[in-house]
Amino acid sequence: MLGIERLLPEGIRGESMNFQQKARHIPCANCGQHTKKGGRAAFRLLEHTADMGIEAVAPTCDELFVQAAKALLSILAGQGRAFGDVQERTIEVTAGDMEELLVVWLNELLFMIQARGLWPLDMAVVRIHAGALEVRLRVVPLAANPEREIKAVTYHHLLVTHRHGQWRARVYLDL
């Protein structure tokens, strides 16, 4: 069984579905659950002609950046095959504003996966403010390349907002 099929429950394998439909059935930790701050956090994938978009919502800015990262991971293949000992890594990035910070963060995460061959098991934001982000990750080496390639996180239709106690982000990926 190749690709995303190996991640799907038995009853869904082989059915005529596109990638996004199948991706919705990939099991993931804490999907749709309440967060520590009491709100709901989630992400959804947005269709675009040559790109794919992510729209994330969360009650806190920390959780927004984590949800955007989880969406990126789901596009790469949900839960890549990994092996070896768990390692701890810290990613620190800086930017001029929150929108740029989101793009830089996701590109750095993408680089860690595609160039260094490390797959995040979980992540926690240590600190975040308008110009800096520090995230602590637990990672394992990948056994194979991710199922899907993402060239880069783009600035196309980029948006990070905070209204009525809810954080929202939209970002597009060049596939």
N, C-alpha and C. Protein backbone atom coordinates (compact mmCIF):
# COMPACT_ATOMS: atom_id res chain seq x y z
N MET A 1 0.85 -1.17 0.00
CA MET A 1 0.00 0.00 0.00
C MET A 1 0.90 1.23 0.00
N LEU A 2 0.64 2.15 -0.89
CA LEU A 2 1.49 3.32 -1.04
C LEU A 2 0.83 4.57 -0.52
N GLY A 3 1.64 5.55 -0.23
CA GLY A 3 1.15 6.89 0.08
C GLY A 3 0.27 6.98 1.30
N ILE A 4 -0.71 7.84 1.17
CA ILE A 4 -1.61 8.15 2.27
C ILE A 4 -2.47 6.95 2.66
N GLU A 5 -2.62 6.00 1.73
CA GLU A 5 -3.45 4.83 1.98
C GLU A 5 -3.05 4.09 3.26
N ARG A 6 -1.75 4.03 3.55
CA ARG A 6 -1.32 3.27 4.73
C ARG A 6 -1.76 3.93 6.03
N LEU A 7 -2.16 5.19 5.99
CA LEU A 7 -2.57 5.90 7.19
C LEU A 7 -4.07 5.81 7.44
N LEU A 8 -4.81 5.34 6.45
CA LEU A 8 -6.27 5.36 6.53
C LEU A 8 -6.83 4.13 7.22
N PRO A 9 -7.99 4.27 7.87
CA PRO A 9 -8.66 3.11 8.41
C PRO A 9 -9.03 2.14 7.29
N GLU A 10 -9.11 0.85 7.58
CA GLU A 10 -9.37 -0.19 6.59
C GLU A 10 -10.55 0.12 5.68
N GLY A 11 -11.67 0.61 6.21
CA GLY A 11 -12.88 0.82 5.41
C GLY A 11 -12.76 1.93 4.38
N ILE A 12 -11.76 2.77 4.47
CA ILE A 12 -11.64 3.91 3.58
C ILE A 12 -10.61 3.65 2.48
N ARG A 13 -9.72 2.71 2.69
CA ARG A 13 -8.66 2.42 1.73
C ARG A 13 -9.28 1.99 0.40
N GLY A 14 -8.69 2.50 -0.67
CA GLY A 14 -9.11 2.09 -1.99
C GLY A 14 -10.32 2.83 -2.53
N GLU A 15 -11.07 3.54 -1.68
CA GLU A 15 -12.23 4.27 -2.17
C GLU A 15 -11.77 5.40 -3.07
N SER A 16 -12.62 5.82 -3.96
CA SER A 16 -12.29 6.89 -4.89
C SER A 16 -12.45 8.24 -4.21
N MET A 17 -11.36 8.72 -3.59
CA MET A 17 -11.35 10.01 -2.92
C MET A 17 -10.10 10.77 -3.35
N ASN A 18 -10.18 12.09 -3.35
CA ASN A 18 -8.98 12.86 -3.63
C ASN A 18 -8.16 12.99 -2.35
N PHE A 19 -6.98 13.59 -2.48
CA PHE A 19 -6.07 13.69 -1.33
C PHE A 19 -6.70 14.38 -0.14
N GLN A 20 -7.38 15.51 -0.37
CA GLN A 20 -7.97 16.24 0.75
C GLN A 20 -9.05 15.44 1.45
N GLN A 21 -9.86 14.72 0.68
CA GLN A 21 -10.90 13.90 1.30
C GLN A 21 -10.27 12.82 2.16
N LYS A 22 -9.22 12.18 1.67
CA LYS A 22 -8.55 11.15 2.45
C LYS A 22 -7.86 11.74 3.67
N ALA A 23 -7.26 12.93 3.50
CA ALA A 23 -6.55 13.56 4.61
C ALA A 23 -7.48 13.83 5.79
N ARG A 24 -8.75 14.08 5.51
CA ARG A 24 -9.70 14.33 6.59
C ARG A 24 -9.89 13.11 7.48
N HIS A 25 -9.57 11.92 6.96
CA HIS A 25 -9.77 10.69 7.71
C HIS A 25 -8.51 10.22 8.43
N ILE A 26 -7.40 10.95 8.29
CA ILE A 26 -6.17 10.56 8.98
C ILE A 26 -6.32 10.86 10.46
N PRO A 27 -6.08 9.88 11.31
CA PRO A 27 -6.21 10.14 12.74
C PRO A 27 -5.12 11.11 13.20
N CYS A 28 -5.48 12.02 14.06
CA CYS A 28 -4.49 12.94 14.63
C CYS A 28 -4.84 13.19 16.09
N ALA A 29 -3.82 13.50 16.85
CA ALA A 29 -4.01 13.73 18.28
C ALA A 29 -4.74 15.04 18.53
N ASN A 30 -5.65 15.04 19.46
CA ASN A 30 -6.33 16.24 19.96
C ASN A 30 -7.15 16.99 18.90
N CYS A 31 -7.57 16.33 17.82
CA CYS A 31 -8.36 17.02 16.80
C CYS A 31 -9.70 17.45 17.40
N GLY A 32 -10.00 18.72 17.28
CA GLY A 32 -11.28 19.25 17.72
C GLY A 32 -11.48 19.27 19.23
N GLN A 33 -10.46 19.03 19.99
CA GLN A 33 -10.61 19.01 21.43
C GLN A 33 -10.41 20.40 22.01
N HIS A 34 -10.86 20.54 23.23
CA HIS A 34 -10.67 21.81 23.93
C HIS A 34 -9.21 21.97 24.30
N THR A 35 -8.74 23.21 24.31
CA THR A 35 -7.36 23.49 24.67
C THR A 35 -7.27 23.86 26.14
N LYS A 36 -6.05 24.07 26.59
CA LYS A 36 -5.81 24.44 27.99
C LYS A 36 -6.56 25.71 28.37
N LYS A 37 -6.71 26.62 27.42
CA LYS A 37 -7.37 27.90 27.69
C LYS A 37 -8.89 27.79 27.59
N GLY A 38 -9.41 26.60 27.28
CA GLY A 38 -10.85 26.39 27.28
C GLY A 38 -11.53 26.56 25.94
N GLY A 39 -10.84 27.06 24.92
CA GLY A 39 -11.46 27.24 23.62
C GLY A 39 -11.19 26.06 22.71
N ARG A 40 -11.73 26.12 21.51
CA ARG A 40 -11.48 25.08 20.53
C ARG A 40 -10.42 25.56 19.55
N ALA A 41 -9.61 24.63 19.10
CA ALA A 41 -8.59 24.94 18.10
C ALA A 41 -8.75 23.95 16.96
N ALA A 42 -8.52 24.40 15.75
CA ALA A 42 -8.71 23.52 14.60
C ALA A 42 -7.99 24.09 13.40
N PHE A 43 -7.96 23.29 12.33
CA PHE A 43 -7.49 23.78 11.05
C PHE A 43 -8.31 23.12 9.97
N ARG A 44 -8.31 23.74 8.76
CA ARG A 44 -8.91 23.12 7.59
C ARG A 44 -8.04 23.45 6.40
N LEU A 45 -8.10 22.61 5.37
CA LEU A 45 -7.31 22.80 4.18
C LEU A 45 -8.14 23.54 3.15
N LEU A 46 -7.53 24.50 2.46
CA LEU A 46 -8.21 25.31 1.46
C LEU A 46 -7.69 24.97 0.08
N GLU A 47 -8.58 24.80 -0.89
CA GLU A 47 -8.16 24.49 -2.25
C GLU A 47 -7.77 25.76 -2.99
N HIS A 48 -6.80 25.61 -3.88
CA HIS A 48 -6.33 26.70 -4.72
C HIS A 48 -5.77 26.05 -5.98
N THR A 49 -5.69 26.77 -7.08
CA THR A 49 -5.31 26.16 -8.35
C THR A 49 -3.99 25.39 -8.30
N ALA A 50 -2.89 26.01 -7.94
CA ALA A 50 -1.59 25.33 -7.91
C ALA A 50 -1.04 25.23 -6.50
N ASP A 51 -1.75 25.75 -5.56
CA ASP A 51 -1.30 25.77 -4.18
C ASP A 51 -2.35 25.10 -3.30
N MET A 52 -2.03 25.01 -2.04
CA MET A 52 -3.01 24.55 -1.06
C MET A 52 -2.94 25.51 0.10
N GLY A 53 -4.10 25.87 0.63
CA GLY A 53 -4.14 26.81 1.73
C GLY A 53 -4.44 26.15 3.05
N ILE A 54 -4.05 26.85 4.09
CA ILE A 54 -4.34 26.44 5.46
C ILE A 54 -5.11 27.58 6.11
N GLU A 55 -6.16 27.25 6.78
CA GLU A 55 -6.85 28.22 7.62
C GLU A 55 -6.92 27.62 9.01
N ALA A 56 -6.34 28.33 9.97
CA ALA A 56 -6.31 27.83 11.34
C ALA A 56 -7.01 28.82 12.26
N VAL A 57 -7.68 28.29 13.28
CA VAL A 57 -8.31 29.12 14.30
C VAL A 57 -7.96 28.56 15.66
N ALA A 58 -7.86 29.45 16.65
CA ALA A 58 -7.52 29.02 18.00
C ALA A 58 -7.82 30.14 18.98
N PRO A 59 -8.02 29.79 20.24
CA PRO A 59 -8.29 30.81 21.25
C PRO A 59 -7.05 31.59 21.68
N THR A 60 -5.85 31.05 21.40
CA THR A 60 -4.61 31.75 21.75
C THR A 60 -3.69 31.80 20.54
N CYS A 61 -2.78 32.74 20.56
CA CYS A 61 -1.80 32.87 19.49
C CYS A 61 -0.88 31.64 19.47
N ASP A 62 -0.49 31.16 20.64
CA ASP A 62 0.35 29.96 20.73
C ASP A 62 -0.29 28.80 19.99
N GLU A 63 -1.55 28.54 20.31
CA GLU A 63 -2.26 27.41 19.72
C GLU A 63 -2.48 27.61 18.23
N LEU A 64 -2.64 28.86 17.79
CA LEU A 64 -2.79 29.15 16.36
C LEU A 64 -1.57 28.67 15.58
N PHE A 65 -0.37 28.96 16.08
CA PHE A 65 0.85 28.55 15.41
C PHE A 65 1.01 27.03 15.43
N VAL A 66 0.57 26.39 16.50
CA VAL A 66 0.61 24.92 16.57
C VAL A 66 -0.38 24.32 15.58
N GLN A 67 -1.59 24.86 15.49
CA GLN A 67 -2.59 24.35 14.55
C GLN A 67 -2.14 24.51 13.11
N ALA A 68 -1.51 25.62 12.78
CA ALA A 68 -0.99 25.82 11.43
C ALA A 68 0.08 24.77 11.12
N ALA A 69 0.92 24.47 12.09
CA ALA A 69 1.95 23.45 11.91
C ALA A 69 1.32 22.07 11.72
N LYS A 70 0.28 21.75 12.48
CA LYS A 70 -0.40 20.46 12.33
C LYS A 70 -1.02 20.34 10.95
N ALA A 71 -1.54 21.43 10.41
CA ALA A 71 -2.10 21.40 9.06
C ALA A 71 -1.01 21.12 8.04
N LEU A 72 0.15 21.76 8.21
CA LEU A 72 1.28 21.50 7.32
C LEU A 72 1.66 20.03 7.36
N LEU A 73 1.71 19.45 8.55
CA LEU A 73 2.05 18.03 8.70
C LEU A 73 1.01 17.14 8.02
N SER A 74 -0.26 17.51 8.12
CA SER A 74 -1.30 16.69 7.49
C SER A 74 -1.18 16.73 5.97
N ILE A 75 -0.74 17.85 5.41
CA ILE A 75 -0.55 17.94 3.96
C ILE A 75 0.64 17.09 3.54
N LEU A 76 1.69 17.08 4.33
CA LEU A 76 2.87 16.28 4.00
C LEU A 76 2.56 14.79 4.01
N ALA A 77 1.61 14.35 4.83
CA ALA A 77 1.18 12.95 4.85
C ALA A 77 0.64 12.54 6.20
N GLY A 78 0.11 13.44 6.94
CA GLY A 78 -0.49 13.05 8.22
C GLY A 78 0.53 12.74 9.27
N GLN A 79 0.93 11.50 9.35
CA GLN A 79 1.86 11.08 10.39
C GLN A 79 2.95 10.24 9.74
N GLY A 80 3.99 10.89 9.23
CA GLY A 80 5.05 10.20 8.49
C GLY A 80 5.63 9.03 9.27
N ARG A 81 6.19 8.07 8.52
CA ARG A 81 6.84 6.94 9.16
C ARG A 81 8.15 7.41 9.76
N ALA A 82 8.35 7.09 11.00
CA ALA A 82 9.55 7.54 11.69
C ALA A 82 10.14 6.39 12.49
N PHE A 83 11.40 6.49 12.81
CA PHE A 83 12.08 5.48 13.60
C PHE A 83 13.11 6.15 14.48
N GLY A 84 13.67 5.39 15.40
CA GLY A 84 14.78 5.90 16.19
C GLY A 84 14.35 6.57 17.48
N ASP A 85 15.35 7.08 18.14
CA ASP A 85 15.14 7.70 19.44
C ASP A 85 14.52 9.09 19.29
N VAL A 86 13.71 9.41 20.26
CA VAL A 86 13.10 10.74 20.30
C VAL A 86 14.16 11.74 20.71
N GLN A 87 14.21 12.84 19.98
CA GLN A 87 15.15 13.92 20.26
C GLN A 87 14.35 15.19 20.56
N GLU A 88 14.95 16.06 21.33
CA GLU A 88 14.32 17.36 21.56
C GLU A 88 15.05 18.41 20.74
N ARG A 89 14.28 19.26 20.10
CA ARG A 89 14.82 20.35 19.29
C ARG A 89 14.09 21.64 19.66
N THR A 90 14.75 22.74 19.43
CA THR A 90 14.12 24.03 19.62
C THR A 90 14.28 24.81 18.32
N ILE A 91 13.18 25.37 17.86
CA ILE A 91 13.22 26.24 16.69
C ILE A 91 12.94 27.65 17.17
N GLU A 92 13.84 28.57 16.82
CA GLU A 92 13.66 29.98 17.15
C GLU A 92 13.69 30.76 15.85
N VAL A 93 12.67 31.58 15.63
CA VAL A 93 12.61 32.41 14.42
C VAL A 93 12.20 33.83 14.80
N THR A 94 12.60 34.76 13.97
CA THR A 94 12.21 36.16 14.17
C THR A 94 11.65 36.72 12.87
N ALA A 95 10.83 37.75 13.01
CA ALA A 95 10.21 38.38 11.84
C ALA A 95 9.73 39.77 12.23
N GLY A 96 9.29 40.52 11.22
CA GLY A 96 8.84 41.89 11.44
C GLY A 96 7.44 42.00 12.02
N ASP A 97 6.58 41.01 11.78
CA ASP A 97 5.22 41.03 12.30
C ASP A 97 4.68 39.60 12.41
N MET A 98 3.46 39.46 12.89
CA MET A 98 2.89 38.13 13.13
C MET A 98 2.69 37.34 11.84
N GLU A 99 2.30 38.01 10.76
CA GLU A 99 2.10 37.32 9.49
C GLU A 99 3.42 36.72 8.99
N GLU A 100 4.44 37.55 8.98
CA GLU A 100 5.75 37.07 8.54
C GLU A 100 6.27 35.99 9.48
N LEU A 101 6.01 36.13 10.76
CA LEU A 101 6.44 35.14 11.75
C LEU A 101 5.82 33.77 11.44
N LEU A 102 4.56 33.75 11.04
CA LEU A 102 3.90 32.48 10.69
C LEU A 102 4.58 31.84 9.48
N VAL A 103 4.85 32.62 8.46
CA VAL A 103 5.50 32.09 7.25
C VAL A 103 6.90 31.57 7.58
N VAL A 104 7.68 32.33 8.33
CA VAL A 104 9.04 31.93 8.67
C VAL A 104 9.00 30.64 9.52
N TRP A 105 8.09 30.56 10.48
CA TRP A 105 7.95 29.38 11.34
C TRP A 105 7.63 28.14 10.51
N LEU A 106 6.63 28.24 9.64
CA LEU A 106 6.23 27.07 8.85
C LEU A 106 7.33 26.67 7.86
N ASN A 107 8.04 27.64 7.28
CA ASN A 107 9.15 27.31 6.38
C ASN A 107 10.28 26.63 7.14
N GLU A 108 10.55 27.07 8.35
CA GLU A 108 11.60 26.44 9.17
C GLU A 108 11.20 25.01 9.54
N LEU A 109 9.95 24.80 9.88
CA LEU A 109 9.45 23.45 10.18
C LEU A 109 9.56 22.57 8.94
N LEU A 110 9.18 23.09 7.80
CA LEU A 110 9.27 22.37 6.53
C LEU A 110 10.73 21.99 6.23
N PHE A 111 11.66 22.91 6.46
CA PHE A 111 13.08 22.63 6.25
C PHE A 111 13.55 21.50 7.17
N MET A 112 13.13 21.53 8.42
CA MET A 112 13.53 20.49 9.37
C MET A 112 13.07 19.11 8.89
N ILE A 113 11.87 19.04 8.33
CA ILE A 113 11.32 17.77 7.86
C ILE A 113 11.98 17.34 6.56
N GLN A 114 11.98 18.21 5.56
CA GLN A 114 12.43 17.82 4.23
C GLN A 114 13.95 17.77 4.08
N ALA A 115 14.68 18.64 4.72
CA ALA A 115 16.13 18.67 4.56
C ALA A 115 16.86 17.88 5.64
N ARG A 116 16.35 17.93 6.85
CA ARG A 116 17.02 17.23 7.96
C ARG A 116 16.42 15.86 8.25
N GLY A 117 15.26 15.57 7.67
CA GLY A 117 14.66 14.25 7.86
C GLY A 117 14.15 13.99 9.26
N LEU A 118 13.65 15.03 9.94
CA LEU A 118 13.13 14.88 11.30
C LEU A 118 11.63 15.15 11.30
N TRP A 119 10.88 14.27 11.92
CA TRP A 119 9.42 14.40 11.97
C TRP A 119 8.99 14.76 13.39
N PRO A 120 8.23 15.85 13.56
CA PRO A 120 7.79 16.25 14.90
C PRO A 120 6.68 15.34 15.44
N LEU A 121 6.89 14.87 16.64
CA LEU A 121 5.85 14.10 17.32
C LEU A 121 4.90 15.02 18.06
N ASP A 122 5.46 16.03 18.68
CA ASP A 122 4.65 17.06 19.35
C ASP A 122 5.47 18.34 19.47
N MET A 123 4.77 19.42 19.77
CA MET A 123 5.43 20.72 19.86
C MET A 123 4.74 21.59 20.88
N ALA A 124 5.50 22.49 21.47
CA ALA A 124 4.94 23.44 22.43
C ALA A 124 5.61 24.79 22.24
N VAL A 125 4.81 25.82 22.15
CA VAL A 125 5.35 27.17 22.03
C VAL A 125 5.88 27.60 23.39
N VAL A 126 7.15 27.96 23.42
CA VAL A 126 7.79 28.43 24.65
C VAL A 126 7.50 29.91 24.85
N ARG A 127 7.66 30.68 23.76
CA ARG A 127 7.35 32.11 23.82
C ARG A 127 7.01 32.59 22.42
N ILE A 128 6.15 33.59 22.40
CA ILE A 128 5.79 34.22 21.14
C ILE A 128 5.42 35.67 21.43
N HIS A 129 5.90 36.55 20.59
CA HIS A 129 5.47 37.95 20.60
C HIS A 129 5.64 38.47 19.19
N ALA A 130 5.33 39.71 18.95
CA ALA A 130 5.24 40.26 17.60
C ALA A 130 6.45 39.95 16.71
N GLY A 131 7.62 39.82 17.28
CA GLY A 131 8.79 39.62 16.44
C GLY A 131 9.55 38.33 16.63
N ALA A 132 9.15 37.47 17.57
CA ALA A 132 9.94 36.26 17.83
C ALA A 132 9.04 35.10 18.27
N LEU A 133 9.51 33.91 17.90
CA LEU A 133 8.81 32.68 18.26
C LEU A 133 9.85 31.64 18.65
N GLU A 134 9.59 30.95 19.74
CA GLU A 134 10.43 29.84 20.15
C GLU A 134 9.52 28.65 20.41
N VAL A 135 9.82 27.53 19.73
CA VAL A 135 9.01 26.32 19.85
C VAL A 135 9.92 25.15 20.21
N ARG A 136 9.50 24.40 21.21
CA ARG A 136 10.21 23.18 21.61
C ARG A 136 9.49 21.99 20.99
N LEU A 137 10.26 21.13 20.31
CA LEU A 137 9.69 19.98 19.62
C LEU A 137 10.34 18.69 20.10
N ARG A 138 9.56 17.63 20.04
CA ARG A 138 10.08 16.27 20.19
C ARG A 138 10.00 15.67 18.79
N VAL A 139 11.15 15.22 18.27
CA VAL A 139 11.22 14.74 16.89
C VAL A 139 11.87 13.36 16.83
N VAL A 140 11.60 12.67 15.72
CA VAL A 140 12.25 11.39 15.43
C VAL A 140 12.69 11.42 13.97
N PRO A 141 13.74 10.67 13.64
CA PRO A 141 14.17 10.61 12.24
C PRO A 141 13.09 9.93 11.38
N LEU A 142 12.94 10.41 10.15
CA LEU A 142 11.99 9.81 9.21
C LEU A 142 12.58 8.54 8.62
N ALA A 143 11.73 7.54 8.42
CA ALA A 143 12.15 6.31 7.78
C ALA A 143 12.11 6.45 6.26
N ALA A 144 11.31 7.38 5.75
CA ALA A 144 11.19 7.62 4.31
C ALA A 144 10.79 9.08 4.11
N ASN A 145 10.91 9.56 2.90
CA ASN A 145 10.50 10.93 2.60
C ASN A 145 9.00 11.09 2.81
N PRO A 146 8.56 12.29 3.15
CA PRO A 146 7.11 12.53 3.25
C PRO A 146 6.43 12.20 1.92
N GLU A 147 5.15 11.85 1.98
CA GLU A 147 4.40 11.44 0.81
C GLU A 147 4.18 12.57 -0.18
N ARG A 148 4.17 13.79 0.29
CA ARG A 148 3.87 14.94 -0.54
C ARG A 148 4.98 15.98 -0.36
N GLU A 149 5.31 16.68 -1.42
CA GLU A 149 6.34 17.71 -1.33
C GLU A 149 5.70 19.10 -1.29
N ILE A 150 6.17 19.91 -0.39
CA ILE A 150 5.78 21.32 -0.33
C ILE A 150 7.03 22.11 -0.64
N LYS A 151 6.96 22.97 -1.67
CA LYS A 151 8.14 23.76 -2.04
C LYS A 151 8.40 24.86 -1.04
N ALA A 152 7.33 25.55 -0.64
CA ALA A 152 7.52 26.66 0.31
C ALA A 152 6.18 27.15 0.83
N VAL A 153 6.24 27.82 1.96
CA VAL A 153 5.09 28.54 2.51
C VAL A 153 5.17 29.94 1.90
N THR A 154 4.05 30.44 1.39
CA THR A 154 4.07 31.71 0.65
C THR A 154 3.41 32.84 1.43
N TYR A 155 3.54 34.05 0.88
CA TYR A 155 2.89 35.22 1.46
C TYR A 155 1.56 35.52 0.76
N HIS A 156 1.16 34.66 -0.18
CA HIS A 156 -0.06 34.85 -0.96
C HIS A 156 -1.29 34.80 -0.05
N HIS A 157 -2.11 35.83 -0.03
CA HIS A 157 -3.33 35.93 0.80
C HIS A 157 -3.06 35.68 2.28
N LEU A 158 -1.87 36.01 2.74
CA LEU A 158 -1.48 35.79 4.13
C LEU A 158 -2.31 36.64 5.07
N LEU A 159 -2.73 36.03 6.17
CA LEU A 159 -3.56 36.74 7.14
C LEU A 159 -3.38 36.14 8.53
N VAL A 160 -3.16 36.99 9.52
CA VAL A 160 -3.21 36.60 10.94
C VAL A 160 -3.99 37.70 11.64
N THR A 161 -5.10 37.32 12.27
CA THR A 161 -5.94 38.31 12.96
C THR A 161 -6.32 37.82 14.34
N HIS A 162 -6.73 38.79 15.16
CA HIS A 162 -7.25 38.49 16.50
C HIS A 162 -8.49 39.35 16.71
N ARG A 163 -9.65 38.71 16.72
CA ARG A 163 -10.91 39.42 16.89
C ARG A 163 -11.82 38.63 17.81
N HIS A 164 -12.48 39.34 18.69
CA HIS A 164 -13.48 38.74 19.58
C HIS A 164 -12.92 37.52 20.31
N GLY A 165 -11.67 37.61 20.77
CA GLY A 165 -11.07 36.53 21.54
C GLY A 165 -10.67 35.32 20.73
N GLN A 166 -10.67 35.42 19.41
CA GLN A 166 -10.34 34.28 18.54
C GLN A 166 -9.21 34.67 17.59
N TRP A 167 -8.18 33.85 17.53
CA TRP A 167 -7.09 34.03 16.59
C TRP A 167 -7.40 33.26 15.31
N ARG A 168 -7.07 33.84 14.16
CA ARG A 168 -7.32 33.20 12.87
C ARG A 168 -6.13 33.47 11.96
N ALA A 169 -5.74 32.45 11.19
CA ALA A 169 -4.65 32.59 10.24
C ALA A 169 -5.02 31.91 8.94
N ARG A 170 -4.51 32.48 7.84
CA ARG A 170 -4.65 31.87 6.53
C ARG A 170 -3.31 32.02 5.82
N VAL A 171 -2.84 30.93 5.25
CA VAL A 171 -1.56 30.93 4.55
C VAL A 171 -1.63 29.88 3.44
N TYR A 172 -0.96 30.15 2.32
CA TYR A 172 -0.95 29.23 1.20
C TYR A 172 0.43 28.63 1.01
N LEU A 173 0.45 27.37 0.56
CA LEU A 173 1.67 26.61 0.36
C LEU A 173 1.86 26.37 -1.14
N ASP A 174 3.08 26.51 -1.60
CA ASP A 174 3.42 26.21 -2.99
C ASP A 174 3.75 24.74 -3.07
N LEU A 175 2.93 23.98 -3.79
CA LEU A 175 3.13 22.53 -3.90
C LEU A 175 3.93 22.15 -5.13
